[in-house]
N, C-alpha and C. Protein backbone atom coordinates (compact mmCIF):
# COMPACT_ATOMS: atom_id res chain seq x y z
N MET A 1 15.03 -3.80 8.39
CA MET A 1 14.77 -4.28 7.04
C MET A 1 14.19 -3.15 6.19
N ASN A 2 14.23 -3.38 4.92
CA ASN A 2 13.75 -2.42 3.96
C ASN A 2 12.21 -2.33 4.02
N LYS A 3 11.69 -1.12 3.98
CA LYS A 3 10.24 -0.92 4.06
C LYS A 3 9.52 -1.51 2.85
N ILE A 4 10.17 -1.50 1.71
CA ILE A 4 9.56 -2.07 0.52
C ILE A 4 9.37 -3.58 0.71
N PHE A 5 10.31 -4.22 1.39
CA PHE A 5 10.20 -5.64 1.70
C PHE A 5 8.93 -5.91 2.52
N TYR A 6 8.68 -5.08 3.53
CA TYR A 6 7.48 -5.23 4.35
C TYR A 6 6.21 -4.99 3.54
N PHE A 7 6.28 -4.03 2.63
CA PHE A 7 5.13 -3.76 1.76
C PHE A 7 4.82 -5.00 0.92
N ILE A 8 5.85 -5.60 0.36
CA ILE A 8 5.67 -6.80 -0.47
C ILE A 8 5.16 -7.97 0.37
N ILE A 9 5.69 -8.12 1.58
CA ILE A 9 5.22 -9.18 2.47
C ILE A 9 3.72 -8.99 2.77
N ALA A 10 3.32 -7.76 3.08
CA ALA A 10 1.90 -7.48 3.35
C ALA A 10 1.06 -7.77 2.12
N LEU A 11 1.57 -7.45 0.94
CA LEU A 11 0.87 -7.73 -0.31
C LEU A 11 0.69 -9.23 -0.51
N VAL A 12 1.74 -9.99 -0.28
CA VAL A 12 1.68 -11.45 -0.47
C VAL A 12 0.74 -12.08 0.57
N VAL A 13 0.88 -11.69 1.83
CA VAL A 13 0.02 -12.26 2.88
C VAL A 13 -1.44 -11.93 2.61
N GLY A 14 -1.72 -10.68 2.25
CA GLY A 14 -3.11 -10.29 1.94
C GLY A 14 -3.65 -11.05 0.74
N SER A 15 -2.82 -11.25 -0.27
CA SER A 15 -3.26 -11.99 -1.46
C SER A 15 -3.56 -13.45 -1.12
N VAL A 16 -2.74 -14.05 -0.27
CA VAL A 16 -2.96 -15.44 0.13
C VAL A 16 -4.26 -15.56 0.93
N ILE A 17 -4.48 -14.65 1.87
CA ILE A 17 -5.73 -14.66 2.64
C ILE A 17 -6.92 -14.51 1.70
N CYS A 18 -6.82 -13.58 0.76
CA CYS A 18 -7.92 -13.38 -0.19
C CYS A 18 -8.13 -14.61 -1.07
N PHE A 19 -7.05 -15.29 -1.42
CA PHE A 19 -7.16 -16.51 -2.21
C PHE A 19 -8.00 -17.55 -1.46
N PHE A 20 -7.76 -17.70 -0.17
CA PHE A 20 -8.50 -18.69 0.60
C PHE A 20 -9.96 -18.26 0.84
N ILE A 21 -10.23 -16.98 0.80
CA ILE A 21 -11.60 -16.48 0.97
C ILE A 21 -12.38 -16.57 -0.34
N GLY A 22 -11.76 -16.12 -1.44
CA GLY A 22 -12.52 -16.01 -2.69
C GLY A 22 -11.80 -16.48 -3.93
N GLY A 23 -10.73 -17.24 -3.78
CA GLY A 23 -10.04 -17.80 -4.93
C GLY A 23 -9.11 -16.82 -5.61
N VAL A 24 -8.69 -17.22 -6.80
CA VAL A 24 -7.71 -16.44 -7.56
C VAL A 24 -8.27 -15.06 -7.90
N ALA A 25 -9.56 -14.98 -8.20
CA ALA A 25 -10.15 -13.69 -8.58
C ALA A 25 -10.04 -12.67 -7.45
N LEU A 26 -10.38 -13.07 -6.23
CA LEU A 26 -10.31 -12.12 -5.11
C LEU A 26 -8.86 -11.76 -4.80
N ALA A 27 -7.96 -12.72 -4.92
CA ALA A 27 -6.54 -12.42 -4.71
C ALA A 27 -6.04 -11.41 -5.75
N ALA A 28 -6.46 -11.57 -7.00
CA ALA A 28 -6.05 -10.64 -8.05
C ALA A 28 -6.65 -9.25 -7.82
N ILE A 29 -7.89 -9.20 -7.37
CA ILE A 29 -8.53 -7.91 -7.07
C ILE A 29 -7.78 -7.22 -5.93
N PHE A 30 -7.47 -7.97 -4.88
CA PHE A 30 -6.71 -7.42 -3.76
C PHE A 30 -5.36 -6.90 -4.25
N PHE A 31 -4.69 -7.68 -5.08
CA PHE A 31 -3.39 -7.29 -5.64
C PHE A 31 -3.52 -5.97 -6.38
N MET A 32 -4.54 -5.82 -7.22
CA MET A 32 -4.73 -4.58 -7.98
C MET A 32 -4.97 -3.39 -7.05
N ILE A 33 -5.81 -3.58 -6.05
CA ILE A 33 -6.09 -2.49 -5.10
C ILE A 33 -4.81 -2.12 -4.36
N TRP A 34 -4.08 -3.12 -3.92
CA TRP A 34 -2.85 -2.89 -3.15
C TRP A 34 -1.82 -2.13 -3.98
N ILE A 35 -1.65 -2.55 -5.25
CA ILE A 35 -0.70 -1.86 -6.15
C ILE A 35 -1.16 -0.42 -6.36
N ASP A 36 -2.45 -0.23 -6.56
CA ASP A 36 -2.96 1.12 -6.78
C ASP A 36 -2.76 2.01 -5.56
N LYS A 37 -3.19 1.55 -4.43
CA LYS A 37 -3.16 2.39 -3.23
C LYS A 37 -1.76 2.51 -2.64
N GLY A 38 -0.90 1.52 -2.91
CA GLY A 38 0.43 1.56 -2.33
C GLY A 38 1.50 2.12 -3.25
N ILE A 39 1.43 1.78 -4.53
CA ILE A 39 2.48 2.20 -5.46
C ILE A 39 2.02 3.35 -6.35
N ILE A 40 0.93 3.16 -7.07
CA ILE A 40 0.43 4.23 -7.94
C ILE A 40 0.05 5.44 -7.09
N GLY A 41 -0.53 5.18 -5.92
CA GLY A 41 -0.98 6.27 -5.06
C GLY A 41 0.10 6.88 -4.18
N PHE A 42 1.33 6.33 -4.23
CA PHE A 42 2.40 6.86 -3.39
C PHE A 42 2.63 8.33 -3.71
N GLY A 43 2.50 9.15 -2.71
CA GLY A 43 2.67 10.59 -2.90
C GLY A 43 1.45 11.26 -3.50
N ASP A 44 0.47 10.50 -3.91
CA ASP A 44 -0.81 11.00 -4.41
C ASP A 44 -0.70 11.80 -5.70
N ILE A 45 0.46 11.82 -6.34
CA ILE A 45 0.65 12.62 -7.54
C ILE A 45 -0.17 12.06 -8.70
N LEU A 46 -0.01 10.77 -8.97
CA LEU A 46 -0.74 10.17 -10.09
C LEU A 46 -2.24 10.15 -9.84
N HIS A 47 -2.65 9.92 -8.59
CA HIS A 47 -4.08 9.92 -8.27
C HIS A 47 -4.71 11.29 -8.53
N LYS A 48 -4.01 12.35 -8.20
CA LYS A 48 -4.55 13.69 -8.44
C LYS A 48 -4.73 13.96 -9.93
N MET A 49 -3.95 13.26 -10.75
CA MET A 49 -4.09 13.39 -12.20
C MET A 49 -5.15 12.44 -12.75
N GLY A 50 -5.75 11.62 -11.89
CA GLY A 50 -6.80 10.72 -12.33
C GLY A 50 -6.33 9.34 -12.73
N ILE A 51 -5.07 9.01 -12.46
CA ILE A 51 -4.53 7.71 -12.86
C ILE A 51 -4.64 6.75 -11.68
N GLU A 52 -5.40 5.69 -11.86
CA GLU A 52 -5.62 4.68 -10.82
C GLU A 52 -6.22 3.44 -11.45
N ILE A 53 -6.13 2.29 -10.73
CA ILE A 53 -6.74 1.06 -11.24
C ILE A 53 -7.75 0.46 -10.27
N THR A 54 -8.02 1.17 -9.18
CA THR A 54 -9.00 0.67 -8.22
C THR A 54 -10.39 0.57 -8.83
N THR A 55 -10.71 1.48 -9.73
CA THR A 55 -12.03 1.44 -10.37
C THR A 55 -12.25 0.10 -11.08
N ILE A 56 -11.26 -0.33 -11.83
CA ILE A 56 -11.40 -1.59 -12.56
C ILE A 56 -11.42 -2.77 -11.58
N ALA A 57 -10.59 -2.70 -10.54
CA ALA A 57 -10.59 -3.77 -9.54
C ALA A 57 -11.95 -3.89 -8.85
N THR A 58 -12.53 -2.75 -8.48
CA THR A 58 -13.82 -2.80 -7.79
C THR A 58 -14.95 -3.18 -8.75
N LEU A 59 -14.78 -2.91 -10.03
CA LEU A 59 -15.76 -3.38 -11.02
C LEU A 59 -15.81 -4.90 -11.02
N PHE A 60 -14.63 -5.54 -11.10
CA PHE A 60 -14.58 -7.01 -11.05
C PHE A 60 -15.12 -7.51 -9.71
N LEU A 61 -14.77 -6.83 -8.64
CA LEU A 61 -15.23 -7.21 -7.30
C LEU A 61 -16.75 -7.23 -7.23
N GLY A 62 -17.38 -6.17 -7.70
CA GLY A 62 -18.84 -6.08 -7.66
C GLY A 62 -19.52 -7.14 -8.51
N ILE A 63 -19.01 -7.33 -9.72
CA ILE A 63 -19.63 -8.30 -10.63
C ILE A 63 -19.48 -9.73 -10.11
N LEU A 64 -18.30 -10.06 -9.61
CA LEU A 64 -18.03 -11.45 -9.23
C LEU A 64 -18.51 -11.82 -7.83
N PHE A 65 -18.60 -10.84 -6.92
CA PHE A 65 -18.89 -11.19 -5.53
C PHE A 65 -20.16 -10.53 -4.98
N GLY A 66 -20.85 -9.73 -5.78
CA GLY A 66 -22.11 -9.14 -5.34
C GLY A 66 -21.92 -7.84 -4.57
N PRO A 67 -23.01 -7.09 -4.44
CA PRO A 67 -22.90 -5.73 -3.89
C PRO A 67 -22.49 -5.66 -2.41
N VAL A 68 -22.99 -6.54 -1.58
CA VAL A 68 -22.72 -6.43 -0.13
C VAL A 68 -21.26 -6.79 0.16
N PHE A 69 -20.83 -7.96 -0.31
CA PHE A 69 -19.44 -8.36 -0.09
C PHE A 69 -18.50 -7.34 -0.72
N ALA A 70 -18.81 -6.88 -1.94
CA ALA A 70 -17.96 -5.93 -2.66
C ALA A 70 -17.81 -4.63 -1.88
N PHE A 71 -18.91 -4.13 -1.33
CA PHE A 71 -18.86 -2.88 -0.58
C PHE A 71 -17.93 -3.01 0.62
N PHE A 72 -18.15 -4.04 1.42
CA PHE A 72 -17.34 -4.18 2.64
C PHE A 72 -15.89 -4.56 2.33
N PHE A 73 -15.67 -5.42 1.36
CA PHE A 73 -14.30 -5.77 1.00
C PHE A 73 -13.54 -4.55 0.49
N ALA A 74 -14.20 -3.73 -0.33
CA ALA A 74 -13.55 -2.53 -0.85
C ALA A 74 -13.18 -1.59 0.29
N ILE A 75 -14.12 -1.33 1.18
CA ILE A 75 -13.82 -0.44 2.31
C ILE A 75 -12.65 -0.98 3.13
N ILE A 76 -12.70 -2.24 3.50
CA ILE A 76 -11.68 -2.81 4.38
C ILE A 76 -10.32 -2.87 3.68
N SER A 77 -10.28 -3.39 2.46
CA SER A 77 -8.98 -3.56 1.79
C SER A 77 -8.35 -2.23 1.43
N ILE A 78 -9.15 -1.26 1.02
CA ILE A 78 -8.60 0.04 0.66
C ILE A 78 -8.08 0.77 1.90
N VAL A 79 -8.83 0.73 2.99
CA VAL A 79 -8.38 1.37 4.23
C VAL A 79 -7.11 0.69 4.73
N LEU A 80 -7.04 -0.64 4.67
CA LEU A 80 -5.82 -1.35 5.08
C LEU A 80 -4.64 -0.99 4.19
N ALA A 81 -4.85 -0.93 2.90
CA ALA A 81 -3.77 -0.58 1.97
C ALA A 81 -3.24 0.82 2.26
N HIS A 82 -4.15 1.77 2.45
CA HIS A 82 -3.73 3.14 2.80
C HIS A 82 -2.99 3.15 4.14
N GLY A 83 -3.53 2.44 5.12
CA GLY A 83 -2.94 2.43 6.45
C GLY A 83 -1.55 1.83 6.48
N ILE A 84 -1.39 0.68 5.84
CA ILE A 84 -0.08 0.02 5.81
C ILE A 84 0.92 0.91 5.06
N SER A 85 0.50 1.49 3.95
CA SER A 85 1.39 2.39 3.20
C SER A 85 1.80 3.58 4.05
N ALA A 86 0.86 4.14 4.82
CA ALA A 86 1.18 5.28 5.68
C ALA A 86 2.15 4.90 6.79
N LEU A 87 2.01 3.68 7.32
CA LEU A 87 2.95 3.22 8.35
C LEU A 87 4.35 2.99 7.78
N LEU A 88 4.41 2.40 6.61
CA LEU A 88 5.70 2.08 6.02
C LEU A 88 6.40 3.29 5.40
N PHE A 89 5.61 4.21 4.89
CA PHE A 89 6.16 5.39 4.22
C PHE A 89 5.55 6.66 4.83
N PRO A 90 5.90 6.97 6.08
CA PRO A 90 5.26 8.09 6.78
C PRO A 90 5.55 9.47 6.17
N ASP A 91 6.58 9.57 5.35
CA ASP A 91 6.91 10.86 4.74
C ASP A 91 6.05 11.17 3.53
N ALA A 92 5.35 10.17 3.01
CA ALA A 92 4.48 10.40 1.86
C ALA A 92 3.30 11.26 2.29
N PRO A 93 2.93 12.25 1.48
CA PRO A 93 1.81 13.11 1.86
C PRO A 93 0.49 12.34 1.92
N SER A 94 -0.32 12.68 2.91
CA SER A 94 -1.61 12.03 3.06
C SER A 94 -2.62 13.06 3.59
N GLU A 95 -3.83 12.97 3.07
CA GLU A 95 -4.89 13.89 3.50
C GLU A 95 -5.69 13.33 4.66
N TRP A 96 -5.39 12.10 5.09
CA TRP A 96 -6.25 11.42 6.04
C TRP A 96 -5.41 10.54 6.95
N PRO A 97 -5.80 10.37 8.20
CA PRO A 97 -5.02 9.49 9.09
C PRO A 97 -5.13 8.02 8.67
N PRO A 98 -4.06 7.25 8.96
CA PRO A 98 -4.09 5.83 8.57
C PRO A 98 -5.16 5.05 9.31
N PHE A 99 -5.70 4.04 8.63
CA PHE A 99 -6.69 3.10 9.16
C PHE A 99 -8.02 3.76 9.54
N VAL A 100 -8.29 4.93 9.02
CA VAL A 100 -9.57 5.60 9.22
C VAL A 100 -10.21 5.73 7.84
N PRO A 101 -11.41 5.18 7.66
CA PRO A 101 -12.04 5.27 6.34
C PRO A 101 -12.26 6.73 5.92
N HIS A 102 -11.91 7.01 4.70
CA HIS A 102 -12.10 8.33 4.10
C HIS A 102 -13.35 8.24 3.22
N PRO A 103 -14.06 9.32 3.05
CA PRO A 103 -15.22 9.27 2.14
C PRO A 103 -14.87 8.80 0.72
N TYR A 104 -13.64 9.04 0.27
CA TYR A 104 -13.24 8.53 -1.04
C TYR A 104 -13.28 7.00 -1.06
N ASN A 105 -12.97 6.37 0.08
CA ASN A 105 -13.05 4.91 0.16
C ASN A 105 -14.49 4.46 -0.03
N ALA A 106 -15.43 5.18 0.54
CA ALA A 106 -16.85 4.86 0.36
C ALA A 106 -17.26 5.02 -1.10
N ILE A 107 -16.70 6.03 -1.77
CA ILE A 107 -17.01 6.22 -3.19
C ILE A 107 -16.50 5.05 -4.01
N ASP A 108 -15.29 4.57 -3.70
CA ASP A 108 -14.79 3.37 -4.39
C ASP A 108 -15.71 2.18 -4.13
N ALA A 109 -16.16 2.03 -2.89
CA ALA A 109 -17.05 0.91 -2.54
C ALA A 109 -18.40 1.05 -3.23
N ILE A 110 -18.91 2.26 -3.34
CA ILE A 110 -20.17 2.49 -4.06
C ILE A 110 -20.00 2.15 -5.54
N GLY A 111 -18.81 2.40 -6.08
CA GLY A 111 -18.52 1.99 -7.46
C GLY A 111 -18.63 0.49 -7.62
N ALA A 112 -18.15 -0.25 -6.61
CA ALA A 112 -18.26 -1.72 -6.66
C ALA A 112 -19.73 -2.15 -6.63
N VAL A 113 -20.53 -1.48 -5.82
CA VAL A 113 -21.96 -1.78 -5.75
C VAL A 113 -22.63 -1.47 -7.09
N ALA A 114 -22.27 -0.33 -7.69
CA ALA A 114 -22.83 0.04 -9.00
C ALA A 114 -22.49 -1.03 -10.04
N ALA A 115 -21.27 -1.56 -9.99
CA ALA A 115 -20.88 -2.62 -10.93
C ALA A 115 -21.73 -3.87 -10.71
N ALA A 116 -21.97 -4.20 -9.44
CA ALA A 116 -22.76 -5.39 -9.13
C ALA A 116 -24.20 -5.26 -9.62
N LEU A 117 -24.72 -4.05 -9.60
CA LEU A 117 -26.12 -3.84 -9.96
C LEU A 117 -26.33 -3.46 -11.42
N ALA A 118 -25.27 -3.18 -12.16
CA ALA A 118 -25.40 -2.67 -13.53
C ALA A 118 -26.08 -3.66 -14.47
N GLY A 119 -25.70 -4.93 -14.41
CA GLY A 119 -26.35 -5.94 -15.24
C GLY A 119 -26.22 -5.72 -16.73
N THR A 120 -25.08 -5.23 -17.18
CA THR A 120 -24.86 -4.99 -18.60
C THR A 120 -23.46 -5.50 -18.95
N SER A 121 -23.00 -5.21 -20.15
CA SER A 121 -21.68 -5.68 -20.58
C SER A 121 -20.58 -5.09 -19.70
N LEU A 122 -19.42 -5.71 -19.74
CA LEU A 122 -18.31 -5.22 -18.92
C LEU A 122 -17.96 -3.77 -19.25
N PHE A 123 -17.88 -3.45 -20.54
CA PHE A 123 -17.50 -2.09 -20.92
C PHE A 123 -18.57 -1.08 -20.50
N ASN A 124 -19.82 -1.41 -20.71
CA ASN A 124 -20.89 -0.50 -20.26
C ASN A 124 -20.91 -0.37 -18.74
N THR A 125 -20.60 -1.45 -18.04
CA THR A 125 -20.50 -1.39 -16.59
C THR A 125 -19.38 -0.44 -16.18
N LEU A 126 -18.25 -0.51 -16.89
CA LEU A 126 -17.17 0.43 -16.61
C LEU A 126 -17.64 1.87 -16.76
N LEU A 127 -18.35 2.16 -17.82
CA LEU A 127 -18.84 3.53 -18.04
C LEU A 127 -19.79 3.96 -16.93
N ILE A 128 -20.66 3.05 -16.50
CA ILE A 128 -21.59 3.37 -15.41
C ILE A 128 -20.82 3.65 -14.12
N VAL A 129 -19.85 2.80 -13.80
CA VAL A 129 -19.07 2.97 -12.58
C VAL A 129 -18.30 4.29 -12.63
N LEU A 130 -17.69 4.59 -13.77
CA LEU A 130 -16.95 5.86 -13.91
C LEU A 130 -17.88 7.06 -13.75
N LEU A 131 -19.07 6.98 -14.30
CA LEU A 131 -20.04 8.06 -14.17
C LEU A 131 -20.45 8.26 -12.71
N VAL A 132 -20.76 7.16 -12.04
CA VAL A 132 -21.17 7.23 -10.63
C VAL A 132 -20.05 7.79 -9.77
N LYS A 133 -18.85 7.22 -9.92
CA LYS A 133 -17.73 7.66 -9.08
C LYS A 133 -17.34 9.10 -9.38
N SER A 134 -17.27 9.47 -10.64
CA SER A 134 -16.89 10.84 -11.00
C SER A 134 -17.88 11.84 -10.43
N GLY A 135 -19.17 11.55 -10.56
CA GLY A 135 -20.18 12.44 -10.01
C GLY A 135 -20.07 12.57 -8.50
N LEU A 136 -19.86 11.44 -7.82
CA LEU A 136 -19.73 11.49 -6.36
C LEU A 136 -18.47 12.23 -5.92
N PHE A 137 -17.36 12.03 -6.61
CA PHE A 137 -16.12 12.76 -6.28
C PHE A 137 -16.32 14.26 -6.43
N ILE A 138 -16.92 14.67 -7.53
CA ILE A 138 -17.13 16.11 -7.77
C ILE A 138 -18.04 16.70 -6.69
N VAL A 139 -19.15 16.03 -6.41
CA VAL A 139 -20.09 16.54 -5.40
C VAL A 139 -19.44 16.58 -4.03
N PHE A 140 -18.76 15.50 -3.63
CA PHE A 140 -18.12 15.47 -2.32
C PHE A 140 -17.06 16.55 -2.20
N ASN A 141 -16.22 16.68 -3.21
CA ASN A 141 -15.16 17.69 -3.15
C ASN A 141 -15.73 19.10 -3.04
N MET A 142 -16.81 19.37 -3.75
CA MET A 142 -17.42 20.70 -3.71
C MET A 142 -18.12 20.95 -2.38
N LEU A 143 -18.98 20.03 -1.97
CA LEU A 143 -19.81 20.26 -0.80
C LEU A 143 -19.07 20.07 0.52
N ALA A 144 -18.28 19.03 0.63
CA ALA A 144 -17.63 18.72 1.92
C ALA A 144 -16.26 19.37 2.06
N LEU A 145 -15.52 19.47 0.98
CA LEU A 145 -14.16 19.99 1.08
C LEU A 145 -14.00 21.40 0.54
N GLY A 146 -15.03 21.89 -0.14
CA GLY A 146 -14.95 23.24 -0.69
C GLY A 146 -13.98 23.37 -1.85
N LYS A 147 -13.65 22.24 -2.48
CA LYS A 147 -12.72 22.26 -3.61
C LYS A 147 -13.51 22.48 -4.90
N PRO A 148 -12.93 23.19 -5.85
CA PRO A 148 -13.60 23.32 -7.15
C PRO A 148 -13.55 21.98 -7.88
N PRO A 149 -14.48 21.76 -8.78
CA PRO A 149 -14.48 20.50 -9.54
C PRO A 149 -13.18 20.34 -10.33
N ASN A 150 -12.62 19.15 -10.30
CA ASN A 150 -11.40 18.85 -11.04
C ASN A 150 -11.79 18.11 -12.31
N PHE A 151 -12.30 18.86 -13.26
CA PHE A 151 -12.77 18.23 -14.49
C PHE A 151 -11.64 17.62 -15.30
N ILE A 152 -10.45 18.20 -15.22
CA ILE A 152 -9.30 17.64 -15.94
C ILE A 152 -8.96 16.27 -15.35
N GLY A 153 -8.93 16.17 -14.02
CA GLY A 153 -8.66 14.89 -13.36
C GLY A 153 -9.71 13.85 -13.70
N VAL A 154 -10.97 14.26 -13.73
CA VAL A 154 -12.06 13.34 -14.09
C VAL A 154 -11.89 12.88 -15.53
N PHE A 155 -11.59 13.82 -16.42
CA PHE A 155 -11.40 13.47 -17.84
C PHE A 155 -10.25 12.48 -18.00
N VAL A 156 -9.11 12.78 -17.37
CA VAL A 156 -7.95 11.88 -17.46
C VAL A 156 -8.31 10.51 -16.88
N ASN A 157 -9.03 10.49 -15.74
CA ASN A 157 -9.42 9.24 -15.11
C ASN A 157 -10.28 8.40 -16.05
N VAL A 158 -11.26 9.02 -16.67
CA VAL A 158 -12.15 8.28 -17.57
C VAL A 158 -11.37 7.77 -18.78
N VAL A 159 -10.58 8.63 -19.40
CA VAL A 159 -9.80 8.22 -20.58
C VAL A 159 -8.81 7.12 -20.20
N PHE A 160 -8.10 7.28 -19.08
CA PHE A 160 -7.12 6.29 -18.65
C PHE A 160 -7.79 4.93 -18.42
N ASN A 161 -8.91 4.92 -17.69
CA ASN A 161 -9.60 3.67 -17.41
C ASN A 161 -10.15 3.02 -18.67
N VAL A 162 -10.67 3.82 -19.58
CA VAL A 162 -11.19 3.27 -20.84
C VAL A 162 -10.04 2.66 -21.65
N LEU A 163 -8.90 3.35 -21.69
CA LEU A 163 -7.77 2.85 -22.49
C LEU A 163 -7.16 1.57 -21.92
N ILE A 164 -7.09 1.46 -20.60
CA ILE A 164 -6.46 0.26 -20.03
C ILE A 164 -7.45 -0.86 -19.74
N PHE A 165 -8.73 -0.58 -19.90
CA PHE A 165 -9.74 -1.56 -19.48
C PHE A 165 -9.65 -2.87 -20.25
N LEU A 166 -9.67 -2.82 -21.57
CA LEU A 166 -9.69 -4.06 -22.34
C LEU A 166 -8.43 -4.91 -22.10
N PRO A 167 -7.23 -4.32 -22.16
CA PRO A 167 -6.06 -5.17 -21.86
C PRO A 167 -6.06 -5.69 -20.42
N LEU A 168 -6.42 -4.85 -19.46
CA LEU A 168 -6.42 -5.28 -18.06
C LEU A 168 -7.53 -6.31 -17.80
N ALA A 169 -8.68 -6.12 -18.42
CA ALA A 169 -9.77 -7.08 -18.26
C ALA A 169 -9.39 -8.41 -18.90
N GLY A 170 -8.76 -8.37 -20.07
CA GLY A 170 -8.31 -9.61 -20.70
C GLY A 170 -7.29 -10.34 -19.86
N LEU A 171 -6.36 -9.59 -19.27
CA LEU A 171 -5.36 -10.20 -18.39
C LEU A 171 -6.02 -10.79 -17.15
N PHE A 172 -6.96 -10.04 -16.57
CA PHE A 172 -7.65 -10.51 -15.37
C PHE A 172 -8.40 -11.82 -15.66
N ILE A 173 -9.12 -11.87 -16.77
CA ILE A 173 -9.88 -13.07 -17.13
C ILE A 173 -8.94 -14.24 -17.40
N ALA A 174 -7.83 -13.98 -18.08
CA ALA A 174 -6.88 -15.05 -18.39
C ALA A 174 -6.22 -15.59 -17.13
N VAL A 175 -5.85 -14.70 -16.21
CA VAL A 175 -5.14 -15.13 -14.99
C VAL A 175 -6.09 -15.83 -14.02
N THR A 176 -7.30 -15.28 -13.87
CA THR A 176 -8.21 -15.79 -12.85
C THR A 176 -9.16 -16.87 -13.35
N GLY A 177 -9.37 -16.92 -14.66
CA GLY A 177 -10.36 -17.85 -15.19
C GLY A 177 -11.78 -17.41 -14.88
N ALA A 178 -11.95 -16.13 -14.54
CA ALA A 178 -13.28 -15.60 -14.21
C ALA A 178 -14.22 -15.76 -15.40
N ASN A 179 -15.45 -16.09 -15.10
CA ASN A 179 -16.47 -16.30 -16.12
C ASN A 179 -17.06 -14.95 -16.53
N LEU A 180 -16.24 -14.19 -17.22
CA LEU A 180 -16.66 -12.87 -17.71
C LEU A 180 -16.41 -12.81 -19.21
N ALA A 181 -17.24 -12.09 -19.93
CA ALA A 181 -17.08 -11.97 -21.37
C ALA A 181 -16.78 -10.52 -21.71
N LEU A 182 -15.76 -10.35 -22.51
CA LEU A 182 -15.46 -9.00 -23.02
C LEU A 182 -16.41 -8.71 -24.13
């Protein structure tokens, strides 16, 4: 069978499981993470340019489900999404073995915790999460990987997330009925 078919089946099954755990909101968050890590992240080209939607997904995750659940759900779902994508599309470049948490996954999870603890408006929470994640990415890349700071990628990531936030947040609230105010 076609590998894309299996990817879609895994997406649907994961969304259904998440629906039974946390309702429409958790299923939608899982869907966003899965699309980001499986489709947007395919080949890692767009991610290297700073284009991703996991930040917004983990923001909703942290606000709606609290810091502890958000941290562990982010780690587990992101690692699973990367792992399944690596199994289905083994030719896609990857910096990390499948089903092994990468420090970037922890940074995404820390972003979810920051969202849970921010206690401010949705847009200000986005800015806080972007600041936390961008700082951690730069520090980790410099200290652990010896990479120079990718300020262009950070800039594109911040601008991209700010530009898509209001429409994506409005869609998320409309689809899920989440009790969030723009």
